N, C-alpha and C. Protein backbone atom coordinates (compact mmCIF):
# COMPACT_ATOMS: atom_id res chain seq x y z
N UNK A 1 69.56 161.74 117.68
CA UNK A 1 68.60 161.88 116.72
C UNK A 1 69.14 161.81 115.25
N UNK A 2 70.18 162.40 115.08
CA UNK A 2 70.91 162.39 113.77
C UNK A 2 71.20 161.11 113.43
N UNK A 3 71.75 160.16 114.08
CA UNK A 3 71.95 158.80 113.83
C UNK A 3 70.62 158.12 113.38
N UNK A 4 69.58 158.31 114.14
CA UNK A 4 68.27 157.75 113.99
C UNK A 4 67.87 158.15 112.51
N UNK A 5 67.83 159.43 112.31
CA UNK A 5 67.41 160.02 110.97
C UNK A 5 68.20 159.46 109.91
N UNK A 6 69.57 159.13 109.96
CA UNK A 6 70.39 158.57 109.00
C UNK A 6 70.14 157.03 108.71
N UNK A 7 69.62 156.43 109.87
CA UNK A 7 69.43 155.00 109.73
C UNK A 7 68.13 154.93 108.96
N UNK A 8 67.14 155.67 109.31
CA UNK A 8 65.81 155.77 108.52
C UNK A 8 66.09 155.88 107.00
N UNK A 9 67.04 156.84 106.75
CA UNK A 9 67.21 157.06 105.38
C UNK A 9 68.01 155.86 104.70
N UNK A 10 68.78 155.26 105.49
CA UNK A 10 69.45 154.05 104.92
C UNK A 10 68.58 152.85 104.63
N UNK A 11 67.31 152.91 105.12
CA UNK A 11 66.49 151.86 104.86
C UNK A 11 66.01 151.87 103.41
N UNK A 12 66.24 152.91 102.51
CA UNK A 12 66.07 152.78 101.30
C UNK A 12 67.06 151.78 100.48
N UNK A 13 68.29 151.71 101.13
CA UNK A 13 69.20 150.82 100.63
C UNK A 13 68.75 149.35 100.68
N UNK A 14 68.23 148.98 101.98
CA UNK A 14 67.52 147.65 102.28
C UNK A 14 66.42 147.38 101.25
N UNK A 15 65.51 148.36 101.12
CA UNK A 15 64.45 148.20 100.22
C UNK A 15 64.81 147.92 98.71
N UNK A 16 65.92 148.58 98.34
CA UNK A 16 66.32 148.36 96.90
C UNK A 16 66.89 146.99 96.94
N UNK A 17 67.80 146.59 97.79
CA UNK A 17 68.34 145.29 97.67
C UNK A 17 67.29 144.03 97.65
N UNK A 18 66.24 144.30 98.56
CA UNK A 18 65.07 143.25 98.41
C UNK A 18 64.38 143.37 97.12
N UNK A 19 64.10 144.47 96.61
CA UNK A 19 63.42 144.49 95.37
C UNK A 19 64.18 144.12 94.26
N UNK A 20 65.47 144.36 94.24
CA UNK A 20 66.30 143.81 93.02
C UNK A 20 66.36 142.34 93.10
N UNK A 21 66.50 141.80 94.27
CA UNK A 21 66.40 140.24 94.40
C UNK A 21 65.14 139.62 93.98
N UNK A 22 64.08 140.17 94.50
CA UNK A 22 62.68 139.69 94.06
C UNK A 22 62.55 139.83 92.46
N UNK A 23 62.91 140.94 91.98
CA UNK A 23 62.79 141.12 90.40
C UNK A 23 63.75 140.15 89.57
N UNK A 24 64.80 139.91 90.09
CA UNK A 24 65.84 138.91 89.51
C UNK A 24 65.25 137.61 89.53
N UNK A 25 64.60 137.18 90.56
CA UNK A 25 64.06 135.84 90.71
C UNK A 25 62.83 135.64 89.83
N UNK A 26 61.95 136.66 89.80
CA UNK A 26 60.81 136.66 88.93
C UNK A 26 61.19 136.64 87.36
N UNK A 27 62.42 137.31 87.11
CA UNK A 27 62.78 137.41 85.72
C UNK A 27 63.29 136.12 85.29
N UNK A 28 64.05 135.27 86.19
CA UNK A 28 64.61 134.08 85.88
C UNK A 28 63.43 133.07 85.71
N UNK A 29 62.42 133.22 86.34
CA UNK A 29 61.18 132.31 86.43
C UNK A 29 60.55 132.67 85.02
N UNK A 30 60.56 133.89 84.70
CA UNK A 30 59.86 134.23 83.33
C UNK A 30 60.75 133.64 82.09
N UNK A 31 62.04 133.76 82.13
CA UNK A 31 62.99 133.15 81.09
C UNK A 31 62.67 131.71 80.95
N UNK A 32 62.51 131.06 82.32
CA UNK A 32 62.44 129.62 82.34
C UNK A 32 61.10 129.22 81.58
N UNK A 33 60.12 130.03 81.71
CA UNK A 33 58.80 129.77 81.06
C UNK A 33 58.88 129.94 79.71
N UNK A 34 59.39 131.08 79.29
CA UNK A 34 59.32 131.53 77.99
C UNK A 34 60.74 132.03 77.56
N UNK A 35 61.60 131.02 77.04
CA UNK A 35 62.99 131.55 76.69
C UNK A 35 63.12 132.38 75.51
N UNK A 36 62.09 132.38 74.55
CA UNK A 36 62.22 133.20 73.47
C UNK A 36 62.00 134.64 73.78
N UNK A 37 61.57 134.97 75.02
CA UNK A 37 61.30 136.42 75.39
C UNK A 37 62.27 136.93 76.22
N UNK A 38 63.53 136.22 76.19
CA UNK A 38 64.52 136.62 77.30
C UNK A 38 65.22 138.00 77.01
N UNK A 39 65.15 138.41 75.68
CA UNK A 39 65.90 139.68 75.44
C UNK A 39 64.97 140.71 76.07
N UNK A 40 63.56 140.61 75.83
CA UNK A 40 62.69 141.64 76.29
C UNK A 40 62.68 141.56 77.82
N UNK A 41 62.61 140.51 78.42
CA UNK A 41 62.67 140.45 79.90
C UNK A 41 63.86 140.89 80.57
N UNK A 42 64.94 140.68 79.93
CA UNK A 42 66.36 141.18 80.47
C UNK A 42 66.33 142.75 80.36
N UNK A 43 65.91 143.24 79.18
CA UNK A 43 65.91 144.65 79.11
C UNK A 43 65.01 145.32 80.20
N UNK A 44 63.97 144.86 80.48
CA UNK A 44 63.01 145.22 81.43
C UNK A 44 63.52 145.18 82.85
N UNK A 45 64.37 144.02 82.93
CA UNK A 45 64.83 143.80 84.24
C UNK A 45 65.93 144.89 84.59
N UNK A 46 66.76 145.18 83.63
CA UNK A 46 68.00 145.99 83.77
C UNK A 46 67.31 147.44 84.08
N UNK A 47 66.21 147.77 83.40
CA UNK A 47 65.63 149.24 83.71
C UNK A 47 65.11 149.24 85.08
N UNK A 48 64.19 148.21 85.40
CA UNK A 48 63.90 148.16 86.74
C UNK A 48 64.94 148.39 87.95
N UNK A 49 66.09 147.43 87.73
CA UNK A 49 67.19 147.36 88.73
C UNK A 49 67.84 148.70 88.75
N UNK A 50 67.87 149.50 87.63
CA UNK A 50 68.51 150.81 87.72
C UNK A 50 67.79 151.70 88.36
N UNK A 51 66.42 151.71 88.26
CA UNK A 51 65.59 152.54 88.96
C UNK A 51 65.66 152.31 90.58
N UNK A 52 65.61 151.07 90.86
CA UNK A 52 65.72 150.59 92.30
C UNK A 52 67.12 151.07 92.80
N UNK A 53 68.13 150.77 92.18
CA UNK A 53 69.49 151.15 92.51
C UNK A 53 69.68 152.75 92.70
N UNK A 54 69.10 153.53 91.83
CA UNK A 54 68.88 154.98 92.09
C UNK A 54 68.29 155.51 93.30
N UNK A 55 67.10 154.68 93.57
CA UNK A 55 66.62 155.04 94.80
C UNK A 55 67.35 154.81 95.97
N UNK A 56 68.22 153.63 95.95
CA UNK A 56 69.18 153.43 97.15
C UNK A 56 70.15 154.58 97.09
N UNK A 57 70.74 154.85 95.94
CA UNK A 57 71.74 155.84 95.93
C UNK A 57 71.19 157.29 96.66
N UNK A 58 69.93 157.53 96.28
CA UNK A 58 69.39 158.75 96.99
C UNK A 58 69.13 158.69 98.42
N UNK A 59 68.96 157.54 98.90
CA UNK A 59 68.82 157.22 100.38
C UNK A 59 70.14 157.31 100.97
N UNK A 60 71.18 156.78 100.30
CA UNK A 60 72.54 156.90 101.01
C UNK A 60 73.05 158.33 100.88
N UNK A 61 72.77 159.14 99.77
CA UNK A 61 73.14 160.40 99.87
C UNK A 61 72.39 161.31 100.97
N UNK A 62 71.21 161.00 101.15
CA UNK A 62 70.45 161.72 102.25
C UNK A 62 70.94 161.26 103.56
N UNK A 63 71.44 160.18 103.91
CA UNK A 63 71.83 159.68 105.12
C UNK A 63 73.10 160.33 105.32
N UNK A 64 73.96 160.44 104.23
CA UNK A 64 75.31 161.04 104.52
C UNK A 64 75.16 162.45 104.77
N UNK A 65 74.18 163.23 104.09
CA UNK A 65 73.91 164.56 104.30
C UNK A 65 73.35 164.78 105.71
N UNK A 66 72.51 163.92 106.27
CA UNK A 66 72.09 164.04 107.50
C UNK A 66 73.21 163.88 108.46
N UNK A 67 73.94 163.02 108.43
CA UNK A 67 75.12 162.67 109.40
C UNK A 67 76.11 164.04 109.45
N UNK A 68 76.46 164.50 108.25
CA UNK A 68 77.46 165.40 108.16
C UNK A 68 77.12 166.84 108.27
N UNK A 69 75.81 167.23 107.89
CA UNK A 69 75.45 168.64 108.03
C UNK A 69 74.36 169.03 109.08
N UNK A 70 73.92 167.88 109.70
CA UNK A 70 72.96 168.21 110.85
C UNK A 70 73.50 168.10 112.29
N UNK A 71 74.80 168.16 112.35
CA UNK A 71 75.41 167.84 113.73
C UNK A 71 75.14 168.99 114.57
């Protein structure tokens, strides 16, 4: 059961990877349509990716805590 709980917590990493990939693709499309707005788009993309990556790190930490402290 501990391994199952850790695996479910690790799903946050998968979700973050997918969301960062989708956000990057949309940002590239936006820059292709409006090159003059690339600075603003890049800033927004970096902030969004940082938030998604923080979610992945929280999921990883929770998974590690479940594995080592709930045995």
